[in-house]
Amino acid sequence: MDRLFTLANPKPSASEGFVNIGLTTWLGTEEISSVTFTAQNFETKQSETAIVIDTTKCTNTSTIIKPFIQAGTDGETYLVTMAVTTNGSPATIEIFYLKFKVDDNIPDQPNFY
């Protein structure tokens, strides 16, 4: 299973919402017990966690990780890192990534916000 997920289209800086990433294939018989979310600017590698994701809203189910993406700067690309810990014995820890670009020059789309 690929560890890098990419949003198919750029997002406007003002849009926000959950991105659902299913891990059923990778998990097998295990379940997600916790996830740690961080974010950085893809080019500069500078931490952007407080700007790009809302860690109080990021969540998960037993099989899905749900980063809550917000804000960002027009023209910048970001990488969200999700450290997943499973309930296995011993627990498995794996890192997954979500990459996306912010673009304020795209036309408004219905139901995008």
PDB file of N, CA and C in Angstrom:
ATOM      1  N   MET A   1       0.842  -1.181   0.000  1.00  0.00           N
ATOM      2  CA  MET A   1       0.000   0.000   0.000  1.00  0.00           C
ATOM      3  C   MET A   1       0.882   1.238   0.000  1.00  0.00           C
ATOM      4  N   ASP A   2       0.537   2.191  -0.860  1.00  0.00           N
ATOM      5  CA  ASP A   2       1.276   3.437  -0.941  1.00  0.00           C
ATOM      6  C   ASP A   2       1.078   4.238   0.343  1.00  0.00           C
ATOM      7  N   ARG A   3       2.127   4.899   0.791  1.00  0.00           N
ATOM      8  CA  ARG A   3       2.064   5.694   2.025  1.00  0.00           C
ATOM      9  C   ARG A   3       1.845   7.180   1.745  1.00  0.00           C
ATOM     10  N   LEU A   4       1.856   7.587   0.462  1.00  0.00           N
ATOM     11  CA  LEU A   4       1.658   8.979   0.084  1.00  0.00           C
ATOM     12  C   LEU A   4       0.325   9.129  -0.634  1.00  0.00           C
ATOM     13  N   PHE A   5      -0.534   9.987  -0.088  1.00  0.00           N
ATOM     14  CA  PHE A   5      -1.820  10.308  -0.696  1.00  0.00           C
ATOM     15  C   PHE A   5      -1.755  11.756  -1.146  1.00  0.00           C
ATOM     16  N   THR A   6      -2.386  12.066  -2.281  1.00  0.00           N
ATOM     17  CA  THR A   6      -2.354  13.415  -2.831  1.00  0.00           C
ATOM     18  C   THR A   6      -3.767  13.847  -3.180  1.00  0.00           C
ATOM     19  N   LEU A   7      -4.128  15.080  -2.794  1.00  0.00           N
ATOM     20  CA  LEU A   7      -5.416  15.612  -3.223  1.00  0.00           C
ATOM     21  C   LEU A   7      -5.369  15.803  -4.727  1.00  0.00           C
ATOM     22  N   ALA A   8      -6.404  15.374  -5.423  1.00  0.00           N
ATOM     23  CA  ALA A   8      -6.431  15.422  -6.884  1.00  0.00           C
ATOM     24  C   ALA A   8      -6.423  16.853  -7.410  1.00  0.00           C
ATOM     25  N   ASN A   9      -7.031  17.783  -6.668  1.00  0.00           N
ATOM     26  CA  ASN A   9      -7.107  19.175  -7.094  1.00  0.00           C
ATOM     27  C   ASN A   9      -6.588  20.082  -5.988  1.00  0.00           C
ATOM     28  N   PRO A  10      -6.053  21.257  -6.369  1.00  0.00           N
ATOM     29  CA  PRO A  10      -5.645  22.208  -5.330  1.00  0.00           C
ATOM     30  C   PRO A  10      -6.865  22.673  -4.541  1.00  0.00           C
ATOM     31  N   LYS A  11      -6.627  23.168  -3.347  1.00  0.00           N
ATOM     32  CA  LYS A  11      -7.715  23.710  -2.529  1.00  0.00           C
ATOM     33  C   LYS A  11      -7.521  25.202  -2.350  1.00  0.00           C
ATOM     34  N   PRO A  12      -8.606  25.990  -2.323  1.00  0.00           N
ATOM     35  CA  PRO A  12      -8.478  27.404  -1.997  1.00  0.00           C
ATOM     36  C   PRO A  12      -8.062  27.570  -0.527  1.00  0.00           C
ATOM     37  N   SER A  13      -7.349  28.624  -0.211  1.00  0.00           N
ATOM     38  CA  SER A  13      -6.881  28.812   1.164  1.00  0.00           C
ATOM     39  C   SER A  13      -8.033  28.926   2.155  1.00  0.00           C
ATOM     40  N   ALA A  14      -9.176  29.420   1.728  1.00  0.00           N
ATOM     41  CA  ALA A  14     -10.313  29.601   2.636  1.00  0.00           C
ATOM     42  C   ALA A  14     -11.113  28.326   2.873  1.00  0.00           C
ATOM     43  N   SER A  15     -10.890  27.290   2.088  1.00  0.00           N
ATOM     44  CA  SER A  15     -11.676  26.061   2.270  1.00  0.00           C
ATOM     45  C   SER A  15     -11.071  25.213   3.384  1.00  0.00           C
ATOM     46  N   GLU A  16     -11.920  24.454   4.026  1.00  0.00           N
ATOM     47  CA  GLU A  16     -11.455  23.551   5.076  1.00  0.00           C
ATOM     48  C   GLU A  16     -12.374  22.347   5.142  1.00  0.00           C
ATOM     49  N   GLY A  17     -11.842  21.264   5.684  1.00  0.00           N
ATOM     50  CA  GLY A  17     -12.654  20.071   5.842  1.00  0.00           C
ATOM     51  C   GLY A  17     -11.806  18.829   6.039  1.00  0.00           C
ATOM     52  N   PHE A  18     -12.483  17.721   6.279  1.00  0.00           N
ATOM     53  CA  PHE A  18     -11.819  16.444   6.500  1.00  0.00           C
ATOM     54  C   PHE A  18     -11.410  15.790   5.190  1.00  0.00           C
ATOM     55  N   VAL A  19     -10.299  15.090   5.223  1.00  0.00           N
ATOM     56  CA  VAL A  19      -9.900  14.192   4.149  1.00  0.00           C
ATOM     57  C   VAL A  19      -9.902  12.800   4.777  1.00  0.00           C
ATOM     58  N   ASN A  20     -10.713  11.903   4.239  1.00  0.00           N
ATOM     59  CA  ASN A  20     -10.811  10.547   4.785  1.00  0.00           C
ATOM     60  C   ASN A  20      -9.883   9.618   4.025  1.00  0.00           C
ATOM     61  N   ILE A  21      -8.989   8.952   4.757  1.00  0.00           N
ATOM     62  CA  ILE A  21      -8.024   8.042   4.162  1.00  0.00           C
ATOM     63  C   ILE A  21      -8.229   6.661   4.782  1.00  0.00           C
ATOM     64  N   GLY A  22      -8.758   5.742   3.981  1.00  0.00           N
ATOM     65  CA  GLY A  22      -9.018   4.388   4.468  1.00  0.00           C
ATOM     66  C   GLY A  22      -7.774   3.523   4.442  1.00  0.00           C
ATOM     67  N   LEU A  23      -7.556   2.802   5.536  1.00  0.00           N
ATOM     68  CA  LEU A  23      -6.364   1.954   5.665  1.00  0.00           C
ATOM     69  C   LEU A  23      -6.702   0.481   5.841  1.00  0.00           C
ATOM     70  N   THR A  24      -7.906   0.071   5.456  1.00  0.00           N
ATOM     71  CA  THR A  24      -8.345  -1.304   5.670  1.00  0.00           C
ATOM     72  C   THR A  24      -7.354  -2.324   5.114  1.00  0.00           C
ATOM     73  N   THR A  25      -6.884  -2.124   3.908  1.00  0.00           N
ATOM     74  CA  THR A  25      -5.955  -3.070   3.279  1.00  0.00           C
ATOM     75  C   THR A  25      -4.669  -3.193   4.083  1.00  0.00           C
ATOM     76  N   TRP A  26      -4.118  -2.075   4.510  1.00  0.00           N
ATOM     77  CA  TRP A  26      -2.870  -2.093   5.270  1.00  0.00           C
ATOM     78  C   TRP A  26      -3.059  -2.691   6.659  1.00  0.00           C
ATOM     79  N   LEU A  27      -4.180  -2.414   7.304  1.00  0.00           N
ATOM     80  CA  LEU A  27      -4.405  -2.846   8.683  1.00  0.00           C
ATOM     81  C   LEU A  27      -4.554  -4.355   8.841  1.00  0.00           C
ATOM     82  N   GLY A  28      -5.130  -5.028   7.866  1.00  0.00           N
ATOM     83  CA  GLY A  28      -5.392  -6.462   8.032  1.00  0.00           C
ATOM     84  C   GLY A  28      -6.380  -6.674   9.165  1.00  0.00           C
ATOM     85  N   THR A  29      -5.991  -7.439  10.187  1.00  0.00           N
ATOM     86  CA  THR A  29      -6.882  -7.714  11.306  1.00  0.00           C
ATOM     87  C   THR A  29      -6.728  -6.707  12.443  1.00  0.00           C
ATOM     88  N   GLU A  30      -5.754  -5.809  12.334  1.00  0.00           N
ATOM     89  CA  GLU A  30      -5.546  -4.799  13.375  1.00  0.00           C
ATOM     90  C   GLU A  30      -6.458  -3.602  13.153  1.00  0.00           C
ATOM     91  N   GLU A  31      -6.537  -2.734  14.161  1.00  0.00           N
ATOM     92  CA  GLU A  31      -7.301  -1.504  14.071  1.00  0.00           C
ATOM     93  C   GLU A  31      -6.427  -0.333  14.487  1.00  0.00           C
ATOM     94  N   ILE A  32      -6.811   0.864  14.070  1.00  0.00           N
ATOM     95  CA  ILE A  32      -6.077   2.068  14.467  1.00  0.00           C
ATOM     96  C   ILE A  32      -6.400   2.369  15.917  1.00  0.00           C
ATOM     97  N   SER A  33      -5.374   2.569  16.732  1.00  0.00           N
ATOM     98  CA  SER A  33      -5.618   2.950  18.125  1.00  0.00           C
ATOM     99  C   SER A  33      -5.326   4.429  18.356  1.00  0.00           C
ATOM    100  N   SER A  34      -4.399   5.013  17.586  1.00  0.00           N
ATOM    101  CA  SER A  34      -4.132   6.442  17.712  1.00  0.00           C
ATOM    102  C   SER A  34      -3.409   6.946  16.470  1.00  0.00           C
ATOM    103  N   VAL A  35      -3.501   8.274  16.261  1.00  0.00           N
ATOM    104  CA  VAL A  35      -2.818   8.924  15.146  1.00  0.00           C
ATOM    105  C   VAL A  35      -2.284  10.260  15.641  1.00  0.00           C
ATOM    106  N   THR A  36      -1.041  10.572  15.273  1.00  0.00           N
ATOM    107  CA  THR A  36      -0.455  11.878  15.558  1.00  0.00           C
ATOM    108  C   THR A  36      -0.327  12.624  14.236  1.00  0.00           C
ATOM    109  N   PHE A  37      -0.878  13.832  14.175  1.00  0.00           N
ATOM    110  CA  PHE A  37      -0.920  14.630  12.952  1.00  0.00           C
ATOM    111  C   PHE A  37       0.032  15.822  13.060  1.00  0.00           C
ATOM    112  N   THR A  38       0.854  16.040  12.035  1.00  0.00           N
ATOM    113  CA  THR A  38       1.682  17.238  11.918  1.00  0.00           C
ATOM    114  C   THR A  38       1.675  17.666  10.453  1.00  0.00           C
ATOM    115  N   ALA A  39       2.146  18.898  10.183  1.00  0.00           N
ATOM    116  CA  ALA A  39       2.187  19.380   8.804  1.00  0.00           C
ATOM    117  C   ALA A  39       3.396  20.286   8.614  1.00  0.00           C
ATOM    118  N   GLN A  40       3.890  20.291   7.376  1.00  0.00           N
ATOM    119  CA  GLN A  40       5.005  21.168   7.031  1.00  0.00           C
ATOM    120  C   GLN A  40       4.854  21.667   5.608  1.00  0.00           C
ATOM    121  N   ASN A  41       5.537  22.769   5.318  1.00  0.00           N
ATOM    122  CA  ASN A  41       5.617  23.266   3.952  1.00  0.00           C
ATOM    123  C   ASN A  41       6.480  22.285   3.180  1.00  0.00           C
ATOM    124  N   PHE A  42       5.998  21.825   2.032  1.00  0.00           N
ATOM    125  CA  PHE A  42       6.695  20.786   1.281  1.00  0.00           C
ATOM    126  C   PHE A  42       8.065  21.249   0.780  1.00  0.00           C
ATOM    127  N   GLU A  43       8.174  22.517   0.380  1.00  0.00           N
ATOM    128  CA  GLU A  43       9.438  23.030  -0.164  1.00  0.00           C
ATOM    129  C   GLU A  43      10.419  23.430   0.920  1.00  0.00           C
ATOM    130  N   THR A  44       9.958  24.224   1.895  1.00  0.00           N
ATOM    131  CA  THR A  44      10.871  24.778   2.904  1.00  0.00           C
ATOM    132  C   THR A  44      11.101  23.842   4.082  1.00  0.00           C
ATOM    133  N   LYS A  45      10.239  22.846   4.229  1.00  0.00           N
ATOM    134  CA  LYS A  45      10.269  21.888   5.351  1.00  0.00           C
ATOM    135  C   LYS A  45       9.949  22.549   6.694  1.00  0.00           C
ATOM    136  N   GLN A  46       9.491  23.803   6.674  1.00  0.00           N
ATOM    137  CA  GLN A  46       9.127  24.522   7.893  1.00  0.00           C
ATOM    138  C   GLN A  46       7.825  23.965   8.440  1.00  0.00           C
ATOM    139  N   SER A  47       7.748  23.829   9.760  1.00  0.00           N
ATOM    140  CA  SER A  47       6.520  23.342  10.387  1.00  0.00           C
ATOM    141  C   SER A  47       5.376  24.320  10.127  1.00  0.00           C
ATOM    142  N   GLU A  48       4.236  23.783   9.710  1.00  0.00           N
ATOM    143  CA  GLU A  48       3.039  24.586   9.427  1.00  0.00           C
ATOM    144  C   GLU A  48       1.817  23.957  10.092  1.00  0.00           C
ATOM    145  N   THR A  49       2.028  23.131  11.096  1.00  0.00           N
ATOM    146  CA  THR A  49       0.934  22.390  11.711  1.00  0.00           C
ATOM    147  C   THR A  49      -0.207  23.301  12.155  1.00  0.00           C
ATOM    148  N   ALA A  50       0.090  24.380  12.878  1.00  0.00           N
ATOM    149  CA  ALA A  50      -0.960  25.248  13.416  1.00  0.00           C
ATOM    150  C   ALA A  50      -1.720  25.984  12.316  1.00  0.00           C
ATOM    151  N   ILE A  51      -1.120  26.154  11.153  1.00  0.00           N
ATOM    152  CA  ILE A  51      -1.750  26.885  10.064  1.00  0.00           C
ATOM    153  C   ILE A  51      -2.562  25.966   9.156  1.00  0.00           C
ATOM    154  N   VAL A  52      -2.026  24.795   8.847  1.00  0.00           N
ATOM    155  CA  VAL A  52      -2.580  23.943   7.795  1.00  0.00           C
ATOM    156  C   VAL A  52      -3.579  22.900   8.290  1.00  0.00           C
ATOM    157  N   ILE A  53      -3.427  22.420   9.509  1.00  0.00           N
ATOM    158  CA  ILE A  53      -4.384  21.443  10.040  1.00  0.00           C
ATOM    159  C   ILE A  53      -4.868  21.890  11.415  1.00  0.00           C
ATOM    160  N   ASP A  54      -6.081  21.497  11.737  1.00  0.00           N
ATOM    161  CA  ASP A  54      -6.621  21.753  13.065  1.00  0.00           C
ATOM    162  C   ASP A  54      -6.523  20.446  13.843  1.00  0.00           C
ATOM    163  N   THR A  55      -5.484  20.329  14.667  1.00  0.00           N
ATOM    164  CA  THR A  55      -5.238  19.058  15.362  1.00  0.00           C
ATOM    165  C   THR A  55      -6.341  18.718  16.364  1.00  0.00           C
ATOM    166  N   THR A  56      -7.126  19.720  16.806  1.00  0.00           N
ATOM    167  CA  THR A  56      -8.231  19.405  17.718  1.00  0.00           C
ATOM    168  C   THR A  56      -9.390  18.742  16.980  1.00  0.00           C
ATOM    169  N   LYS A  57      -9.458  18.937  15.656  1.00  0.00           N
ATOM    170  CA  LYS A  57     -10.520  18.318  14.851  1.00  0.00           C
ATOM    171  C   LYS A  57     -10.055  17.054  14.138  1.00  0.00           C
ATOM    172  N   CYS A  58      -8.743  16.885  13.955  1.00  0.00           N
ATOM    173  CA  CYS A  58      -8.234  15.662  13.315  1.00  0.00           C
ATOM    174  C   CYS A  58      -8.656  14.465  14.158  1.00  0.00           C
ATOM    175  N   THR A  59      -9.052  13.400  13.502  1.00  0.00           N
ATOM    176  CA  THR A  59      -9.567  12.247  14.232  1.00  0.00           C
ATOM    177  C   THR A  59      -9.311  10.975  13.430  1.00  0.00           C
ATOM    178  N   ASN A  60      -9.842   9.884  13.923  1.00  0.00           N
ATOM    179  CA  ASN A  60      -9.750   8.610  13.215  1.00  0.00           C
ATOM    180  C   ASN A  60     -10.851   7.682  13.697  1.00  0.00           C
ATOM    181  N   THR A  61     -11.121   6.663  12.868  1.00  0.00           N
ATOM    182  CA  THR A  61     -11.967   5.555  13.289  1.00  0.00           C
ATOM    183  C   THR A  61     -11.029   4.361  13.428  1.00  0.00           C
ATOM    184  N   SER A  62     -11.571   3.184  13.529  1.00  0.00           N
ATOM    185  CA  SER A  62     -10.722   1.993  13.640  1.00  0.00           C
ATOM    186  C   SER A  62      -9.999   1.683  12.339  1.00  0.00           C
ATOM    187  N   THR A  63     -10.480   2.256  11.199  1.00  0.00           N
ATOM    188  CA  THR A  63      -9.869   1.957   9.896  1.00  0.00           C
ATOM    189  C   THR A  63      -9.584   3.182   9.026  1.00  0.00           C
ATOM    190  N   ILE A  64      -9.989   4.370   9.472  1.00  0.00           N
ATOM    191  CA  ILE A  64      -9.856   5.580   8.651  1.00  0.00           C
ATOM    192  C   ILE A  64      -9.141   6.681   9.436  1.00  0.00           C
ATOM    193  N   ILE A  65      -8.152   7.330   8.797  1.00  0.00           N
ATOM    194  CA  ILE A  65      -7.540   8.520   9.385  1.00  0.00           C
ATOM    195  C   ILE A  65      -8.190   9.738   8.741  1.00  0.00           C
ATOM    196  N   LYS A  66      -8.449  10.775   9.567  1.00  0.00           N
ATOM    197  CA  LYS A  66      -9.211  11.932   9.114  1.00  0.00           C
ATOM    198  C   LYS A  66      -8.515  13.233   9.494  1.00  0.00           C
ATOM    199  N   PRO A  67      -7.508  13.655   8.712  1.00  0.00           N
ATOM    200  CA  PRO A  67      -6.918  14.963   8.984  1.00  0.00           C
ATOM    201  C   PRO A  67      -7.909  16.071   8.613  1.00  0.00           C
ATOM    202  N   PHE A  68      -7.976  17.125   9.431  1.00  0.00           N
ATOM    203  CA  PHE A  68      -8.831  18.272   9.137  1.00  0.00           C
ATOM    204  C   PHE A  68      -7.944  19.357   8.545  1.00  0.00           C
ATOM    205  N   ILE A  69      -8.081  19.566   7.226  1.00  0.00           N
ATOM    206  CA  ILE A  69      -7.242  20.503   6.484  1.00  0.00           C
ATOM    207  C   ILE A  69      -7.892  21.883   6.526  1.00  0.00           C
ATOM    208  N   GLN A  70      -7.069  22.908   6.791  1.00  0.00           N
ATOM    209  CA  GLN A  70      -7.557  24.285   6.814  1.00  0.00           C
ATOM    210  C   GLN A  70      -6.491  25.215   6.228  1.00  0.00           C
ATOM    211  N   ALA A  71      -6.882  26.369   5.859  1.00  0.00           N
ATOM    212  CA  ALA A  71      -6.009  27.480   5.464  1.00  0.00           C
ATOM    213  C   ALA A  71      -4.904  27.109   4.484  1.00  0.00           C
ATOM    214  N   GLY A  72      -3.697  27.646   4.722  1.00  0.00           N
ATOM    215  CA  GLY A  72      -2.585  27.509   3.801  1.00  0.00           C
ATOM    216  C   GLY A  72      -2.394  28.802   3.029  1.00  0.00           C
ATOM    217  N   THR A  73      -1.265  28.930   2.363  1.00  0.00           N
ATOM    218  CA  THR A  73      -0.922  30.127   1.603  1.00  0.00           C
ATOM    219  C   THR A  73      -0.988  29.825   0.118  1.00  0.00           C
ATOM    220  N   ASP A  74      -1.606  30.726  -0.635  1.00  0.00           N
ATOM    221  CA  ASP A  74      -1.741  30.573  -2.075  1.00  0.00           C
ATOM    222  C   ASP A  74      -0.385  30.269  -2.717  1.00  0.00           C
ATOM    223  N   GLY A  75      -0.347  29.233  -3.541  1.00  0.00           N
ATOM    224  CA  GLY A  75       0.865  28.854  -4.264  1.00  0.00           C
ATOM    225  C   GLY A  75       1.777  27.884  -3.528  1.00  0.00           C
ATOM    226  N   GLU A  76       1.496  27.602  -2.269  1.00  0.00           N
ATOM    227  CA  GLU A  76       2.349  26.708  -1.480  1.00  0.00           C
ATOM    228  C   GLU A  76       1.816  25.277  -1.505  1.00  0.00           C
ATOM    229  N   THR A  77       2.727  24.332  -1.335  1.00  0.00           N
ATOM    230  CA  THR A  77       2.383  22.917  -1.242  1.00  0.00           C
ATOM    231  C   THR A  77       2.722  22.439   0.162  1.00  0.00           C
ATOM    232  N   TYR A  78       1.860  21.605   0.719  1.00  0.00           N
ATOM    233  CA  TYR A  78       2.019  21.148   2.101  1.00  0.00           C
ATOM    234  C   TYR A  78       2.021  19.622   2.178  1.00  0.00           C
ATOM    235  N   LEU A  79       2.650  19.124   3.233  1.00  0.00           N
ATOM    236  CA  LEU A  79       2.704  17.696   3.491  1.00  0.00           C
ATOM    237  C   LEU A  79       2.242  17.447   4.921  1.00  0.00           C
ATOM    238  N   VAL A  80       1.129  16.725   5.056  1.00  0.00           N
ATOM    239  CA  VAL A  80       0.616  16.338   6.369  1.00  0.00           C
ATOM    240  C   VAL A  80       1.175  14.961   6.683  1.00  0.00           C
ATOM    241  N   THR A  81       1.762  14.817   7.850  1.00  0.00           N
ATOM    242  CA  THR A  81       2.303  13.536   8.299  1.00  0.00           C
ATOM    243  C   THR A  81       1.359  12.951   9.344  1.00  0.00           C
ATOM    244  N   MET A  82       1.019  11.665   9.166  1.00  0.00           N
ATOM    245  CA  MET A  82       0.101  10.984  10.071  1.00  0.00           C
ATOM    246  C   MET A  82       0.778   9.718  10.583  1.00  0.00           C
ATOM    247  N   ALA A  83       1.173   9.742  11.842  1.00  0.00           N
ATOM    248  CA  ALA A  83       1.822   8.586  12.466  1.00  0.00           C
ATOM    249  C   ALA A  83       0.733   7.721  13.095  1.00  0.00           C
ATOM    250  N   VAL A  84       0.502   6.558  12.497  1.00  0.00           N
ATOM    251  CA  VAL A  84      -0.582   5.663  12.903  1.00  0.00           C
ATOM    252  C   VAL A  84      -0.028   4.557  13.795  1.00  0.00           C
ATOM    253  N   THR A  85      -0.662   4.370  14.945  1.00  0.00           N
ATOM    254  CA  THR A  85      -0.338   3.266  15.845  1.00  0.00           C
ATOM    255  C   THR A  85      -1.532   2.326  15.878  1.00  0.00           C
ATOM    256  N   THR A  86      -1.274   1.025  15.754  1.00  0.00           N
ATOM    257  CA  THR A  86      -2.357   0.039  15.753  1.00  0.00           C
ATOM    258  C   THR A  86      -2.504  -0.612  17.125  1.00  0.00           C
ATOM    259  N   ASN A  87      -3.547  -1.402  17.249  1.00  0.00           N
ATOM    260  CA  ASN A  87      -3.817  -2.116  18.492  1.00  0.00           C
ATOM    261  C   ASN A  87      -3.186  -3.510  18.518  1.00  0.00           C
ATOM    262  N   GLY A  88      -2.313  -3.814  17.581  1.00  0.00           N
ATOM    263  CA  GLY A  88      -1.686  -5.139  17.525  1.00  0.00           C
ATOM    264  C   GLY A  88      -0.786  -5.392  18.723  1.00  0.00           C
ATOM    265  N   SER A  89      -0.393  -6.625  18.875  1.00  0.00           N
ATOM    266  CA  SER A  89       0.512  -6.991  19.963  1.00  0.00           C
ATOM    267  C   SER A  89       1.715  -7.716  19.370  1.00  0.00           C
ATOM    268  N   PRO A  90       2.834  -7.046  19.157  1.00  0.00           N
ATOM    269  CA  PRO A  90       3.077  -5.647  19.516  1.00  0.00           C
ATOM    270  C   PRO A  90       2.392  -4.695  18.538  1.00  0.00           C
ATOM    271  N   ALA A  91       2.221  -3.436  18.969  1.00  0.00           N
ATOM    272  CA  ALA A  91       1.603  -2.410  18.134  1.00  0.00           C
ATOM    273  C   ALA A  91       2.484  -2.119  16.928  1.00  0.00           C
ATOM    274  N   THR A  92       1.850  -1.836  15.812  1.00  0.00           N
ATOM    275  CA  THR A  92       2.555  -1.427  14.601  1.00  0.00           C
ATOM    276  C   THR A  92       2.468   0.090  14.514  1.00  0.00           C
ATOM    277  N   ILE A  93       3.581   0.719  14.154  1.00  0.00           N
ATOM    278  CA  ILE A  93       3.589   2.161  13.936  1.00  0.00           C
ATOM    279  C   ILE A  93       4.048   2.403  12.509  1.00  0.00           C
ATOM    280  N   GLU A  94       3.248   3.162  11.765  1.00  0.00           N
ATOM    281  CA  GLU A  94       3.558   3.443  10.370  1.00  0.00           C
ATOM    282  C   GLU A  94       3.230   4.898  10.081  1.00  0.00           C
ATOM    283  N   ILE A  95       4.003   5.495   9.175  1.00  0.00           N
ATOM    284  CA  ILE A  95       3.802   6.892   8.794  1.00  0.00           C
ATOM    285  C   ILE A  95       3.123   6.949   7.419  1.00  0.00           C
ATOM    286  N   PHE A  96       2.071   7.765   7.330  1.00  0.00           N
ATOM    287  CA  PHE A  96       1.380   8.034   6.079  1.00  0.00           C
ATOM    288  C   PHE A  96       1.438   9.532   5.820  1.00  0.00           C
ATOM    289  N   TYR A  97       1.333   9.920   4.543  1.00  0.00           N
ATOM    290  CA  TYR A  97       1.468  11.325   4.160  1.00  0.00           C
ATOM    291  C   TYR A  97       0.316  11.748   3.267  1.00  0.00           C
ATOM    292  N   LEU A  98      -0.075  13.029   3.395  1.00  0.00           N
ATOM    293  CA  LEU A  98      -1.063  13.644   2.529  1.00  0.00           C
ATOM    294  C   LEU A  98      -0.449  14.928   1.979  1.00  0.00           C
ATOM    295  N   LYS A  99      -0.342  15.015   0.653  1.00  0.00           N
ATOM    296  CA  LYS A  99       0.255  16.177  -0.004  1.00  0.00           C
ATOM    297  C   LYS A  99      -0.839  16.945  -0.741  1.00  0.00           C
ATOM    298  N   PHE A 100      -0.811  18.273  -0.604  1.00  0.00           N
ATOM    299  CA  PHE A 100      -1.780  19.092  -1.321  1.00  0.00           C
ATOM    300  C   PHE A 100      -1.227  20.479  -1.591  1.00  0.00           C
ATOM    301  N   LYS A 101      -1.785  21.102  -2.623  1.00  0.00           N
ATOM    302  CA  LYS A 101      -1.388  22.451  -3.025  1.00  0.00           C
ATOM    303  C   LYS A 101      -2.543  23.407  -2.747  1.00  0.00           C
ATOM    304  N   VAL A 102      -2.198  24.647  -2.376  1.00  0.00           N
ATOM    305  CA  VAL A 102      -3.190  25.690  -2.171  1.00  0.00           C
ATOM    306  C   VAL A 102      -3.151  26.619  -3.379  1.00  0.00           C
ATOM    307  N   ASP A 103      -4.332  26.887  -3.945  1.00  0.00           N
ATOM    308  CA  ASP A 103      -4.428  27.756  -5.118  1.00  0.00           C
ATOM    309  C   ASP A 103      -5.706  28.576  -5.012  1.00  0.00           C
ATOM    310  N   ASP A 104      -5.556  29.887  -4.847  1.00  0.00           N
ATOM    311  CA  ASP A 104      -6.724  30.766  -4.740  1.00  0.00           C
ATOM    312  C   ASP A 104      -7.221  31.240  -6.094  1.00  0.00           C
ATOM    313  N   ASN A 105      -6.619  30.805  -7.163  1.00  0.00           N
ATOM    314  CA  ASN A 105      -7.002  31.240  -8.503  1.00  0.00           C
ATOM    315  C   ASN A 105      -7.797  30.185  -9.258  1.00  0.00           C
ATOM    316  N   ILE A 106      -8.513  29.341  -8.527  1.00  0.00           N
ATOM    317  CA  ILE A 106      -9.379  28.357  -9.176  1.00  0.00           C
ATOM    318  C   ILE A 106     -10.821  28.815  -9.006  1.00  0.00           C
ATOM    319  N   PRO A 107     -11.682  28.532  -9.959  1.00  0.00           N
ATOM    320  CA  PRO A 107     -13.083  28.983  -9.839  1.00  0.00           C
ATOM    321  C   PRO A 107     -13.777  28.266  -8.691  1.00  0.00           C
ATOM    322  N   ASP A 108     -14.735  28.969  -8.097  1.00  0.00           N
ATOM    323  CA  ASP A 108     -15.539  28.342  -7.027  1.00  0.00           C
ATOM    324  C   ASP A 108     -16.278  27.146  -7.588  1.00  0.00           C
ATOM    325  N   GLN A 109     -16.342  26.107  -6.803  1.00  0.00           N
ATOM    326  CA  GLN A 109     -17.044  24.906  -7.208  1.00  0.00           C
ATOM    327  C   GLN A 109     -18.176  24.659  -6.232  1.00  0.00           C
ATOM    328  N   PRO A 110     -19.323  24.204  -6.689  1.00  0.00           N
ATOM    329  CA  PRO A 110     -20.432  23.957  -5.777  1.00  0.00           C
ATOM    330  C   PRO A 110     -20.039  22.955  -4.705  1.00  0.00           C
ATOM    331  N   ASN A 111     -20.462  23.216  -3.487  1.00  0.00           N
ATOM    332  CA  ASN A 111     -20.221  22.331  -2.347  1.00  0.00           C
ATOM    333  C   ASN A 111     -18.751  22.128  -2.028  1.00  0.00           C
ATOM    334  N   PHE A 112     -17.879  23.031  -2.467  1.00  0.00           N
ATOM    335  CA  PHE A 112     -16.453  22.858  -2.175  1.00  0.00           C
ATOM    336  C   PHE A 112     -16.120  23.307  -0.766  1.00  0.00           C
ATOM    337  N   TYR A 113     -16.807  24.296  -0.264  1.00  0.00           N
ATOM    338  CA  TYR A 113     -16.502  24.824   1.076  1.00  0.00           C
ATOM    339  C   TYR A 113     -17.198  24.056   2.134  1.00  0.00           C
TER     340      TYR A 113
END
